[in-house]
Amino acid sequence: MVEHQKCTGKDHVDKELKRIIALGGEGLMIRQLGSKYERKRSDTLLKIKTFYDAKAKLIGFVKTKSNPDLISSYLVEMANGIQFKIGSG
């Protein structure tokens, strides 16, 4: 069970975010007052965290030069069409 608190402002959010991260958490979820849970992405719920992440689709791979049986990196594509390599290690 997660304790709910009414947010008192930006300083409160910053302090609580630091506390949760120190405990090993990823961040905070802030819900619009009076909103109800939805089983989908919601305009009334905001995730606050201290890092950015994104999803990318795997579209290929690059083999190592020394051993063609090994993969040196993966080729991925973001939703906006940007492609880049991610190391396999």
PDB file of N, CA and C in Angstrom:
ATOM      1  N   MET A   1       0.837  -1.166   0.000  1.00  0.00           N
ATOM      2  CA  MET A   1       0.000   0.000   0.000  1.00  0.00           C
ATOM      3  C   MET A   1       0.892   1.243   0.000  1.00  0.00           C
ATOM      4  N   VAL A   2       0.604   2.182  -0.858  1.00  0.00           N
ATOM      5  CA  VAL A   2       1.392   3.405  -0.967  1.00  0.00           C
ATOM      6  C   VAL A   2       0.644   4.539  -0.284  1.00  0.00           C
ATOM      7  N   GLU A   3       1.347   5.246   0.584  1.00  0.00           N
ATOM      8  CA  GLU A   3       0.744   6.383   1.273  1.00  0.00           C
ATOM      9  C   GLU A   3       0.546   7.533   0.291  1.00  0.00           C
ATOM     10  N   HIS A   4      -0.615   8.165   0.353  1.00  0.00           N
ATOM     11  CA  HIS A   4      -0.906   9.321  -0.481  1.00  0.00           C
ATOM     12  C   HIS A   4      -0.730  10.594   0.336  1.00  0.00           C
ATOM     13  N   GLN A   5      -0.213  11.637  -0.314  1.00  0.00           N
ATOM     14  CA  GLN A   5      -0.043  12.930   0.325  1.00  0.00           C
ATOM     15  C   GLN A   5      -0.569  14.007  -0.603  1.00  0.00           C
ATOM     16  N   LYS A   6      -1.124  15.061  -0.042  1.00  0.00           N
ATOM     17  CA  LYS A   6      -1.523  16.200  -0.845  1.00  0.00           C
ATOM     18  C   LYS A   6      -0.291  17.077  -1.058  1.00  0.00           C
ATOM     19  N   CYS A   7       0.001  17.384  -2.309  1.00  0.00           N
ATOM     20  CA  CYS A   7       1.173  18.179  -2.661  1.00  0.00           C
ATOM     21  C   CYS A   7       0.956  19.629  -2.233  1.00  0.00           C
ATOM     22  N   THR A   8       1.962  20.190  -1.579  1.00  0.00           N
ATOM     23  CA  THR A   8       1.870  21.574  -1.127  1.00  0.00           C
ATOM     24  C   THR A   8       2.665  22.539  -1.997  1.00  0.00           C
ATOM     25  N   GLY A   9       3.326  22.014  -3.048  1.00  0.00           N
ATOM     26  CA  GLY A   9       4.075  22.897  -3.943  1.00  0.00           C
ATOM     27  C   GLY A   9       5.349  22.256  -4.445  1.00  0.00           C
ATOM     28  N   LYS A  10       6.091  23.016  -5.246  1.00  0.00           N
ATOM     29  CA  LYS A  10       7.312  22.515  -5.877  1.00  0.00           C
ATOM     30  C   LYS A  10       8.355  22.065  -4.850  1.00  0.00           C
ATOM     31  N   ASP A  11       8.532  22.820  -3.791  1.00  0.00           N
ATOM     32  CA  ASP A  11       9.509  22.435  -2.765  1.00  0.00           C
ATOM     33  C   ASP A  11       9.150  21.085  -2.144  1.00  0.00           C
ATOM     34  N   HIS A  12       7.866  20.849  -1.941  1.00  0.00           N
ATOM     35  CA  HIS A  12       7.400  19.570  -1.396  1.00  0.00           C
ATOM     36  C   HIS A  12       7.721  18.431  -2.365  1.00  0.00           C
ATOM     37  N   VAL A  13       7.462  18.651  -3.660  1.00  0.00           N
ATOM     38  CA  VAL A  13       7.751  17.629  -4.679  1.00  0.00           C
ATOM     39  C   VAL A  13       9.249  17.335  -4.719  1.00  0.00           C
ATOM     40  N   ASP A  14      10.075  18.388  -4.737  1.00  0.00           N
ATOM     41  CA  ASP A  14      11.531  18.205  -4.795  1.00  0.00           C
ATOM     42  C   ASP A  14      12.039  17.413  -3.595  1.00  0.00           C
ATOM     43  N   LYS A  15      11.551  17.743  -2.409  1.00  0.00           N
ATOM     44  CA  LYS A  15      11.983  17.060  -1.185  1.00  0.00           C
ATOM     45  C   LYS A  15      11.551  15.593  -1.200  1.00  0.00           C
ATOM     46  N   GLU A  16      10.313  15.338  -1.600  1.00  0.00           N
ATOM     47  CA  GLU A  16       9.800  13.970  -1.630  1.00  0.00           C
ATOM     48  C   GLU A  16      10.499  13.141  -2.708  1.00  0.00           C
ATOM     49  N   LEU A  17      10.781  13.749  -3.855  1.00  0.00           N
ATOM     50  CA  LEU A  17      11.495  13.049  -4.932  1.00  0.00           C
ATOM     51  C   LEU A  17      12.882  12.625  -4.458  1.00  0.00           C
ATOM     52  N   LYS A  18      13.601  13.511  -3.794  1.00  0.00           N
ATOM     53  CA  LYS A  18      14.926  13.165  -3.263  1.00  0.00           C
ATOM     54  C   LYS A  18      14.836  12.030  -2.254  1.00  0.00           C
ATOM     55  N   ARG A  19      13.804  12.057  -1.409  1.00  0.00           N
ATOM     56  CA  ARG A  19      13.630  11.014  -0.395  1.00  0.00           C
ATOM     57  C   ARG A  19      13.379   9.654  -1.048  1.00  0.00           C
ATOM     58  N   ILE A  20      12.503   9.624  -2.045  1.00  0.00           N
ATOM     59  CA  ILE A  20      12.167   8.366  -2.724  1.00  0.00           C
ATOM     60  C   ILE A  20      13.382   7.809  -3.472  1.00  0.00           C
ATOM     61  N   ILE A  21      14.136   8.658  -4.132  1.00  0.00           N
ATOM     62  CA  ILE A  21      15.327   8.206  -4.863  1.00  0.00           C
ATOM     63  C   ILE A  21      16.364   7.658  -3.891  1.00  0.00           C
ATOM     64  N   ALA A  22      16.518   8.308  -2.731  1.00  0.00           N
ATOM     65  CA  ALA A  22      17.464   7.814  -1.719  1.00  0.00           C
ATOM     66  C   ALA A  22      17.072   6.435  -1.206  1.00  0.00           C
ATOM     67  N   LEU A  23      15.786   6.128  -1.255  1.00  0.00           N
ATOM     68  CA  LEU A  23      15.299   4.812  -0.826  1.00  0.00           C
ATOM     69  C   LEU A  23      15.377   3.775  -1.953  1.00  0.00           C
ATOM     70  N   GLY A  24      15.867   4.182  -3.132  1.00  0.00           N
ATOM     71  CA  GLY A  24      16.002   3.265  -4.258  1.00  0.00           C
ATOM     72  C   GLY A  24      14.855   3.318  -5.241  1.00  0.00           C
ATOM     73  N   GLY A  25      13.930   4.264  -5.056  1.00  0.00           N
ATOM     74  CA  GLY A  25      12.804   4.399  -5.978  1.00  0.00           C
ATOM     75  C   GLY A  25      13.183   5.124  -7.257  1.00  0.00           C
ATOM     76  N   GLU A  26      12.319   5.027  -8.244  1.00  0.00           N
ATOM     77  CA  GLU A  26      12.558   5.656  -9.551  1.00  0.00           C
ATOM     78  C   GLU A  26      12.054   7.092  -9.589  1.00  0.00           C
ATOM     79  N   GLY A  27      10.968   7.377  -8.878  1.00  0.00           N
ATOM     80  CA  GLY A  27      10.410   8.718  -8.908  1.00  0.00           C
ATOM     81  C   GLY A  27       9.044   8.762  -8.262  1.00  0.00           C
ATOM     82  N   LEU A  28       8.293   9.792  -8.603  1.00  0.00           N
ATOM     83  CA  LEU A  28       6.975  10.019  -8.026  1.00  0.00           C
ATOM     84  C   LEU A  28       5.895   9.947  -9.098  1.00  0.00           C
ATOM     85  N   MET A  29       4.710   9.584  -8.681  1.00  0.00           N
ATOM     86  CA  MET A  29       3.525   9.657  -9.527  1.00  0.00           C
ATOM     87  C   MET A  29       2.600  10.665  -8.878  1.00  0.00           C
ATOM     88  N   ILE A  30       2.237  11.712  -9.621  1.00  0.00           N
ATOM     89  CA  ILE A  30       1.368  12.759  -9.093  1.00  0.00           C
ATOM     90  C   ILE A  30       0.060  12.730  -9.860  1.00  0.00           C
ATOM     91  N   ARG A  31      -1.030  12.639  -9.108  1.00  0.00           N
ATOM     92  CA  ARG A  31      -2.362  12.534  -9.699  1.00  0.00           C
ATOM     93  C   ARG A  31      -3.136  13.823  -9.452  1.00  0.00           C
ATOM     94  N   GLN A  32      -3.886  14.246 -10.452  1.00  0.00           N
ATOM     95  CA  GLN A  32      -4.754  15.416 -10.316  1.00  0.00           C
ATOM     96  C   GLN A  32      -5.782  15.153  -9.221  1.00  0.00           C
ATOM     97  N   LEU A  33      -5.965  16.113  -8.345  1.00  0.00           N
ATOM     98  CA  LEU A  33      -6.893  15.969  -7.233  1.00  0.00           C
ATOM     99  C   LEU A  33      -8.285  15.593  -7.731  1.00  0.00           C
ATOM    100  N   GLY A  34      -8.857  14.541  -7.165  1.00  0.00           N
ATOM    101  CA  GLY A  34     -10.204  14.102  -7.518  1.00  0.00           C
ATOM    102  C   GLY A  34     -10.286  13.179  -8.719  1.00  0.00           C
ATOM    103  N   SER A  35      -9.154  12.937  -9.400  1.00  0.00           N
ATOM    104  CA  SER A  35      -9.188  12.065 -10.583  1.00  0.00           C
ATOM    105  C   SER A  35      -9.243  10.605 -10.150  1.00  0.00           C
ATOM    106  N   LYS A  36      -9.699   9.769 -11.039  1.00  0.00           N
ATOM    107  CA  LYS A  36      -9.833   8.341 -10.760  1.00  0.00           C
ATOM    108  C   LYS A  36      -8.817   7.547 -11.571  1.00  0.00           C
ATOM    109  N   TYR A  37      -8.505   6.350 -11.086  1.00  0.00           N
ATOM    110  CA  TYR A  37      -7.580   5.453 -11.773  1.00  0.00           C
ATOM    111  C   TYR A  37      -8.152   5.049 -13.129  1.00  0.00           C
ATOM    112  N   GLU A  38      -7.277   5.026 -14.141  1.00  0.00           N
ATOM    113  CA  GLU A  38      -7.651   4.553 -15.474  1.00  0.00           C
ATOM    114  C   GLU A  38      -6.670   3.465 -15.879  1.00  0.00           C
ATOM    115  N   ARG A  39      -7.142   2.454 -16.598  1.00  0.00           N
ATOM    116  CA  ARG A  39      -6.278   1.347 -17.038  1.00  0.00           C
ATOM    117  C   ARG A  39      -5.652   1.670 -18.388  1.00  0.00           C
ATOM    118  N   LYS A  40      -5.113   2.870 -18.528  1.00  0.00           N
ATOM    119  CA  LYS A  40      -4.462   3.335 -19.756  1.00  0.00           C
ATOM    120  C   LYS A  40      -3.654   4.574 -19.400  1.00  0.00           C
ATOM    121  N   ARG A  41      -2.946   5.129 -20.371  1.00  0.00           N
ATOM    122  CA  ARG A  41      -2.255   6.394 -20.136  1.00  0.00           C
ATOM    123  C   ARG A  41      -3.291   7.451 -19.796  1.00  0.00           C
ATOM    124  N   SER A  42      -2.963   8.293 -18.848  1.00  0.00           N
ATOM    125  CA  SER A  42      -3.945   9.230 -18.328  1.00  0.00           C
ATOM    126  C   SER A  42      -3.415  10.657 -18.346  1.00  0.00           C
ATOM    127  N   ASP A  43      -4.268  11.603 -18.678  1.00  0.00           N
ATOM    128  CA  ASP A  43      -3.900  13.018 -18.627  1.00  0.00           C
ATOM    129  C   ASP A  43      -3.937  13.552 -17.203  1.00  0.00           C
ATOM    130  N   THR A  44      -4.400  12.738 -16.250  1.00  0.00           N
ATOM    131  CA  THR A  44      -4.516  13.189 -14.868  1.00  0.00           C
ATOM    132  C   THR A  44      -3.408  12.624 -13.982  1.00  0.00           C
ATOM    133  N   LEU A  45      -2.431  11.955 -14.585  1.00  0.00           N
ATOM    134  CA  LEU A  45      -1.345  11.327 -13.837  1.00  0.00           C
ATOM    135  C   LEU A  45      -0.020  11.752 -14.464  1.00  0.00           C
ATOM    136  N   LEU A  46       0.919  12.176 -13.623  1.00  0.00           N
ATOM    137  CA  LEU A  46       2.222  12.632 -14.108  1.00  0.00           C
ATOM    138  C   LEU A  46       3.321  11.885 -13.370  1.00  0.00           C
ATOM    139  N   LYS A  47       4.282  11.347 -14.143  1.00  0.00           N
ATOM    140  CA  LYS A  47       5.451  10.680 -13.551  1.00  0.00           C
ATOM    141  C   LYS A  47       6.572  11.715 -13.459  1.00  0.00           C
ATOM    142  N   ILE A  48       7.166  11.835 -12.283  1.00  0.00           N
ATOM    143  CA  ILE A  48       8.292  12.749 -12.082  1.00  0.00           C
ATOM    144  C   ILE A  48       9.504  11.914 -11.714  1.00  0.00           C
ATOM    145  N   LYS A  49      10.584  12.061 -12.484  1.00  0.00           N
ATOM    146  CA  LYS A  49      11.809  11.319 -12.211  1.00  0.00           C
ATOM    147  C   LYS A  49      12.996  12.187 -12.592  1.00  0.00           C
ATOM    148  N   THR A  50      14.186  11.738 -12.256  1.00  0.00           N
ATOM    149  CA  THR A  50      15.379  12.564 -12.467  1.00  0.00           C
ATOM    150  C   THR A  50      16.199  12.128 -13.675  1.00  0.00           C
ATOM    151  N   PHE A  51      15.672  11.235 -14.485  1.00  0.00           N
ATOM    152  CA  PHE A  51      16.379  10.801 -15.686  1.00  0.00           C
ATOM    153  C   PHE A  51      15.383  10.652 -16.817  1.00  0.00           C
ATOM    154  N   TYR A  52      15.893  10.603 -18.028  1.00  0.00           N
ATOM    155  CA  TYR A  52      15.054  10.452 -19.203  1.00  0.00           C
ATOM    156  C   TYR A  52      15.240   9.055 -19.783  1.00  0.00           C
ATOM    157  N   ASP A  53      14.180   8.499 -20.322  1.00  0.00           N
ATOM    158  CA  ASP A  53      14.287   7.247 -21.040  1.00  0.00           C
ATOM    159  C   ASP A  53      13.313   7.290 -22.213  1.00  0.00           C
ATOM    160  N   ALA A  54      13.490   6.380 -23.108  1.00  0.00           N
ATOM    161  CA  ALA A  54      12.626   6.326 -24.286  1.00  0.00           C
ATOM    162  C   ALA A  54      12.652   4.912 -24.837  1.00  0.00           C
ATOM    163  N   LYS A  55      11.690   4.610 -25.656  1.00  0.00           N
ATOM    164  CA  LYS A  55      11.635   3.307 -26.299  1.00  0.00           C
ATOM    165  C   LYS A  55      12.141   3.431 -27.729  1.00  0.00           C
ATOM    166  N   ALA A  56      12.778   2.375 -28.197  1.00  0.00           N
ATOM    167  CA  ALA A  56      13.257   2.311 -29.569  1.00  0.00           C
ATOM    168  C   ALA A  56      13.024   0.901 -30.094  1.00  0.00           C
ATOM    169  N   LYS A  57      12.808   0.803 -31.388  1.00  0.00           N
ATOM    170  CA  LYS A  57      12.557  -0.495 -32.020  1.00  0.00           C
ATOM    171  C   LYS A  57      13.872  -1.045 -32.574  1.00  0.00           C
ATOM    172  N   LEU A  58      14.143  -2.304 -32.294  1.00  0.00           N
ATOM    173  CA  LEU A  58      15.326  -2.971 -32.831  1.00  0.00           C
ATOM    174  C   LEU A  58      15.108  -3.223 -34.320  1.00  0.00           C
ATOM    175  N   ILE A  59      16.013  -2.698 -35.151  1.00  0.00           N
ATOM    176  CA  ILE A  59      15.858  -2.864 -36.603  1.00  0.00           C
ATOM    177  C   ILE A  59      17.039  -3.589 -37.252  1.00  0.00           C
ATOM    178  N   GLY A  60      18.086  -3.868 -36.479  1.00  0.00           N
ATOM    179  CA  GLY A  60      19.229  -4.569 -37.062  1.00  0.00           C
ATOM    180  C   GLY A  60      20.349  -4.709 -36.053  1.00  0.00           C
ATOM    181  N   PHE A  61      21.479  -5.206 -36.518  1.00  0.00           N
ATOM    182  CA  PHE A  61      22.638  -5.354 -35.658  1.00  0.00           C
ATOM    183  C   PHE A  61      23.898  -5.263 -36.494  1.00  0.00           C
ATOM    184  N   VAL A  62      25.017  -5.012 -35.808  1.00  0.00           N
ATOM    185  CA  VAL A  62      26.327  -4.919 -36.460  1.00  0.00           C
ATOM    186  C   VAL A  62      27.205  -6.006 -35.865  1.00  0.00           C
ATOM    187  N   LYS A  63      27.789  -6.830 -36.732  1.00  0.00           N
ATOM    188  CA  LYS A  63      28.668  -7.910 -36.266  1.00  0.00           C
ATOM    189  C   LYS A  63      30.070  -7.359 -36.000  1.00  0.00           C
ATOM    190  N   THR A  64      30.811  -8.033 -35.146  1.00  0.00           N
ATOM    191  CA  THR A  64      32.186  -7.621 -34.869  1.00  0.00           C
ATOM    192  C   THR A  64      33.055  -7.896 -36.086  1.00  0.00           C
ATOM    193  N   LYS A  65      34.119  -7.138 -36.219  1.00  0.00           N
ATOM    194  CA  LYS A  65      35.040  -7.331 -37.348  1.00  0.00           C
ATOM    195  C   LYS A  65      35.898  -8.579 -37.148  1.00  0.00           C
ATOM    196  N   SER A  66      36.224  -8.876 -35.885  1.00  0.00           N
ATOM    197  CA  SER A  66      37.110 -10.008 -35.612  1.00  0.00           C
ATOM    198  C   SER A  66      36.400 -11.357 -35.634  1.00  0.00           C
ATOM    199  N   ASN A  67      35.084 -11.372 -35.332  1.00  0.00           N
ATOM    200  CA  ASN A  67      34.354 -12.632 -35.304  1.00  0.00           C
ATOM    201  C   ASN A  67      32.923 -12.387 -35.796  1.00  0.00           C
ATOM    202  N   PRO A  68      32.612 -12.801 -37.022  1.00  0.00           N
ATOM    203  CA  PRO A  68      31.287 -12.531 -37.587  1.00  0.00           C
ATOM    204  C   PRO A  68      30.131 -13.223 -36.861  1.00  0.00           C
ATOM    205  N   ASP A  69      30.439 -14.120 -35.924  1.00  0.00           N
ATOM    206  CA  ASP A  69      29.386 -14.765 -35.142  1.00  0.00           C
ATOM    207  C   ASP A  69      28.952 -13.922 -33.934  1.00  0.00           C
ATOM    208  N   LEU A  70      29.706 -12.861 -33.644  1.00  0.00           N
ATOM    209  CA  LEU A  70      29.400 -12.022 -32.489  1.00  0.00           C
ATOM    210  C   LEU A  70      28.804 -10.684 -32.928  1.00  0.00           C
ATOM    211  N   ILE A  71      27.960 -10.118 -32.076  1.00  0.00           N
ATOM    212  CA  ILE A  71      27.328  -8.825 -32.349  1.00  0.00           C
ATOM    213  C   ILE A  71      28.058  -7.743 -31.552  1.00  0.00           C
ATOM    214  N   SER A  72      28.444  -6.649 -32.233  1.00  0.00           N
ATOM    215  CA  SER A  72      29.113  -5.552 -31.529  1.00  0.00           C
ATOM    216  C   SER A  72      28.121  -4.487 -31.082  1.00  0.00           C
ATOM    217  N   SER A  73      27.046  -4.293 -31.853  1.00  0.00           N
ATOM    218  CA  SER A  73      26.041  -3.300 -31.462  1.00  0.00           C
ATOM    219  C   SER A  73      24.709  -3.589 -32.143  1.00  0.00           C
ATOM    220  N   TYR A  74      23.666  -2.988 -31.587  1.00  0.00           N
ATOM    221  CA  TYR A  74      22.313  -3.119 -32.142  1.00  0.00           C
ATOM    222  C   TYR A  74      21.920  -1.802 -32.799  1.00  0.00           C
ATOM    223  N   LEU A  75      21.234  -1.880 -33.911  1.00  0.00           N
ATOM    224  CA  LEU A  75      20.725  -0.702 -34.591  1.00  0.00           C
ATOM    225  C   LEU A  75      19.256  -0.555 -34.198  1.00  0.00           C
ATOM    226  N   VAL A  76      18.906   0.617 -33.662  1.00  0.00           N
ATOM    227  CA  VAL A  76      17.535   0.855 -33.201  1.00  0.00           C
ATOM    228  C   VAL A  76      16.987   2.122 -33.843  1.00  0.00           C
ATOM    229  N   GLU A  77      15.655   2.240 -33.817  1.00  0.00           N
ATOM    230  CA  GLU A  77      15.002   3.413 -34.386  1.00  0.00           C
ATOM    231  C   GLU A  77      13.965   3.945 -33.397  1.00  0.00           C
ATOM    232  N   MET A  78      14.013   5.251 -33.173  1.00  0.00           N
ATOM    233  CA  MET A  78      13.044   5.919 -32.307  1.00  0.00           C
ATOM    234  C   MET A  78      11.748   6.146 -33.090  1.00  0.00           C
ATOM    235  N   ALA A  79      10.672   6.484 -32.388  1.00  0.00           N
ATOM    236  CA  ALA A  79       9.385   6.744 -33.020  1.00  0.00           C
ATOM    237  C   ALA A  79       9.466   7.916 -34.002  1.00  0.00           C
ATOM    238  N   ASN A  80      10.409   8.848 -33.765  1.00  0.00           N
ATOM    239  CA  ASN A  80      10.556  10.003 -34.654  1.00  0.00           C
ATOM    240  C   ASN A  80      11.447   9.717 -35.862  1.00  0.00           C
ATOM    241  N   GLY A  81      11.892   8.456 -36.027  1.00  0.00           N
ATOM    242  CA  GLY A  81      12.683   8.068 -37.185  1.00  0.00           C
ATOM    243  C   GLY A  81      14.191   8.123 -36.978  1.00  0.00           C
ATOM    244  N   ILE A  82      14.671   8.687 -35.886  1.00  0.00           N
ATOM    245  CA  ILE A  82      16.108   8.753 -35.616  1.00  0.00           C
ATOM    246  C   ILE A  82      16.622   7.340 -35.346  1.00  0.00           C
ATOM    247  N   GLN A  83      17.718   7.002 -36.029  1.00  0.00           N
ATOM    248  CA  GLN A  83      18.340   5.693 -35.859  1.00  0.00           C
ATOM    249  C   GLN A  83      19.713   5.866 -35.211  1.00  0.00           C
ATOM    250  N   PHE A  84      20.091   4.892 -34.355  1.00  0.00           N
ATOM    251  CA  PHE A  84      21.404   4.928 -33.735  1.00  0.00           C
ATOM    252  C   PHE A  84      21.777   3.538 -33.247  1.00  0.00           C
ATOM    253  N   LYS A  85      23.058   3.373 -32.900  1.00  0.00           N
ATOM    254  CA  LYS A  85      23.549   2.070 -32.435  1.00  0.00           C
ATOM    255  C   LYS A  85      23.682   2.082 -30.920  1.00  0.00           C
ATOM    256  N   ILE A  86      23.422   0.919 -30.328  1.00  0.00           N
ATOM    257  CA  ILE A  86      23.600   0.717 -28.884  1.00  0.00           C
ATOM    258  C   ILE A  86      24.550  -0.462 -28.732  1.00  0.00           C
ATOM    259  N   GLY A  87      25.602  -0.256 -27.937  1.00  0.00           N
ATOM    260  CA  GLY A  87      26.574  -1.323 -27.704  1.00  0.00           C
ATOM    261  C   GLY A  87      25.929  -2.557 -27.098  1.00  0.00           C
ATOM    262  N   SER A  88      26.406  -3.723 -27.488  1.00  0.00           N
ATOM    263  CA  SER A  88      25.811  -4.979 -27.012  1.00  0.00           C
ATOM    264  C   SER A  88      26.327  -5.391 -25.649  1.00  0.00           C
ATOM    265  N   GLY A  89      27.376  -4.744 -25.165  1.00  0.00           N
ATOM    266  CA  GLY A  89      27.981  -5.144 -23.893  1.00  0.00           C
ATOM    267  C   GLY A  89      27.199  -4.680 -22.723  1.00  0.00           C
TER     268      GLY A  89
END
